[in-house]
Amino acid sequence: MEEYQGVRKSLWDLVEGQERNMAQLERIGTAMEQRWGLEGVVKKEESEDDAKRSKDGPRESQEEGTPSSASC
């Protein structure tokens, strides 16, 4: 009977550990979705800024006073 109780306790510990692991994986998944979602917003804004810059034409560098897209 004691052996049965020991096995039962071990199995219960495994189940509890699995539940903790699943909860942790859900938190990680949520964090990754939020981060990827934010990265997508940032990349979209960057690509919109790039599109606006390309429409405006070459810009002058503030340091050198030369167009930033000029070739040597």
C-alpha atoms as a PDB file:
ATOM      1  CA  MET A   1       0.000   0.000   0.000  1.00  0.00           C
ATOM      2  CA  GLU A   2       2.870   2.391   0.800  1.00  0.00           C
ATOM      3  CA  GLU A   3       4.361   1.712  -2.597  1.00  0.00           C
ATOM      4  CA  TYR A   4       1.079   2.702  -4.227  1.00  0.00           C
ATOM      5  CA  GLN A   5       1.031   5.970  -2.273  1.00  0.00           C
ATOM      6  CA  GLY A   6       4.603   6.718  -3.360  1.00  0.00           C
ATOM      7  CA  VAL A   7       3.783   6.135  -7.023  1.00  0.00           C
ATOM      8  CA  ARG A   8       0.627   8.218  -6.676  1.00  0.00           C
ATOM      9  CA  LYS A   9       2.613  11.090  -5.131  1.00  0.00           C
ATOM     10  CA  SER A  10       5.218  10.896  -7.902  1.00  0.00           C
ATOM     11  CA  LEU A  11       2.556  10.989 -10.600  1.00  0.00           C
ATOM     12  CA  TRP A  12       0.808  13.893  -8.914  1.00  0.00           C
ATOM     13  CA  ASP A  13       4.106  15.811  -8.777  1.00  0.00           C
ATOM     14  CA  LEU A  14       4.568  15.178 -12.500  1.00  0.00           C
ATOM     15  CA  VAL A  15       1.069  16.481 -13.251  1.00  0.00           C
ATOM     16  CA  GLU A  16       1.662  19.616 -11.180  1.00  0.00           C
ATOM     17  CA  GLY A  17       4.999  20.165 -12.893  1.00  0.00           C
ATOM     18  CA  GLN A  18       3.356  19.787 -16.289  1.00  0.00           C
ATOM     19  CA  GLU A  19       0.691  22.333 -15.340  1.00  0.00           C
ATOM     20  CA  ARG A  20       3.377  24.818 -14.257  1.00  0.00           C
ATOM     21  CA  ASN A  21       5.258  24.242 -17.522  1.00  0.00           C
ATOM     22  CA  MET A  22       2.114  24.806 -19.594  1.00  0.00           C
ATOM     23  CA  ALA A  23       1.338  28.032 -17.735  1.00  0.00           C
ATOM     24  CA  GLN A  24       4.893  29.237 -18.292  1.00  0.00           C
ATOM     25  CA  LEU A  25       4.720  28.381 -22.005  1.00  0.00           C
ATOM     26  CA  GLU A  26       1.481  30.347 -22.311  1.00  0.00           C
ATOM     27  CA  ARG A  27       3.143  33.385 -20.696  1.00  0.00           C
ATOM     28  CA  ILE A  28       6.122  33.062 -23.033  1.00  0.00           C
ATOM     29  CA  GLY A  29       3.822  32.747 -26.046  1.00  0.00           C
ATOM     30  CA  THR A  30       1.892  35.849 -25.030  1.00  0.00           C
ATOM     31  CA  ALA A  31       5.100  37.817 -24.541  1.00  0.00           C
ATOM     32  CA  MET A  32       6.392  36.711 -27.951  1.00  0.00           C
ATOM     33  CA  GLU A  33       3.134  37.665 -29.668  1.00  0.00           C
ATOM     34  CA  GLN A  34       3.241  41.100 -28.044  1.00  0.00           C
ATOM     35  CA  ARG A  35       6.878  41.619 -29.021  1.00  0.00           C
ATOM     36  CA  TRP A  36       6.351  40.459 -32.602  1.00  0.00           C
ATOM     37  CA  GLY A  37       3.254  42.621 -32.810  1.00  0.00           C
ATOM     38  CA  LEU A  38       5.228  45.648 -31.644  1.00  0.00           C
ATOM     39  CA  GLU A  39       8.104  44.831 -34.002  1.00  0.00           C
ATOM     40  CA  GLY A  40       5.616  44.635 -36.859  1.00  0.00           C
ATOM     41  CA  VAL A  41       4.290  48.102 -35.983  1.00  0.00           C
ATOM     42  CA  VAL A  42       7.812  49.524 -35.764  1.00  0.00           C
ATOM     43  CA  LYS A  43       8.866  47.930 -39.065  1.00  0.00           C
ATOM     44  CA  LYS A  44       5.699  49.214 -40.735  1.00  0.00           C
ATOM     45  CA  GLU A  45       6.406  52.743 -39.485  1.00  0.00           C
ATOM     46  CA  GLU A  46      10.021  52.479 -40.651  1.00  0.00           C
ATOM     47  CA  SER A  47       8.968  51.323 -44.108  1.00  0.00           C
ATOM     48  CA  GLU A  48       6.451  54.183 -44.331  1.00  0.00           C
ATOM     49  CA  ASP A  49       9.203  56.635 -43.341  1.00  0.00           C
ATOM     50  CA  ASP A  50      11.503  55.129 -45.979  1.00  0.00           C
ATOM     51  CA  ALA A  51       8.787  55.496 -48.602  1.00  0.00           C
ATOM     52  CA  LYS A  52       8.286  59.151 -47.664  1.00  0.00           C
ATOM     53  CA  ARG A  53      12.046  59.785 -47.849  1.00  0.00           C
ATOM     54  CA  SER A  54      12.291  58.228 -51.300  1.00  0.00           C
ATOM     55  CA  LYS A  55       9.464  60.464 -52.536  1.00  0.00           C
ATOM     56  CA  ASP A  56      11.174  63.574 -51.117  1.00  0.00           C
ATOM     57  CA  GLY A  57      14.346  62.861 -53.068  1.00  0.00           C
ATOM     58  CA  PRO A  58      17.935  62.934 -51.826  1.00  0.00           C
ATOM     59  CA  ARG A  59      18.570  64.716 -48.568  1.00  0.00           C
ATOM     60  CA  GLU A  60      21.644  66.622 -47.558  1.00  0.00           C
ATOM     61  CA  SER A  61      23.790  65.309 -44.780  1.00  0.00           C
ATOM     62  CA  GLN A  62      23.806  67.723 -41.850  1.00  0.00           C
ATOM     63  CA  GLU A  63      27.500  67.165 -41.187  1.00  0.00           C
ATOM     64  CA  GLU A  64      28.922  67.356 -44.686  1.00  0.00           C
ATOM     65  CA  GLY A  65      26.293  69.328 -46.610  1.00  0.00           C
ATOM     66  CA  THR A  66      26.237  66.742 -49.404  1.00  0.00           C
ATOM     67  CA  PRO A  67      23.312  64.669 -50.575  1.00  0.00           C
ATOM     68  CA  SER A  68      23.127  61.455 -48.589  1.00  0.00           C
ATOM     69  CA  SER A  69      22.375  59.357 -51.687  1.00  0.00           C
ATOM     70  CA  ALA A  70      25.177  60.845 -53.835  1.00  0.00           C
ATOM     71  CA  SER A  71      27.707  58.396 -55.197  1.00  0.00           C
ATOM     72  CA  CYS A  72      31.437  59.009 -55.393  1.00  0.00           C
END
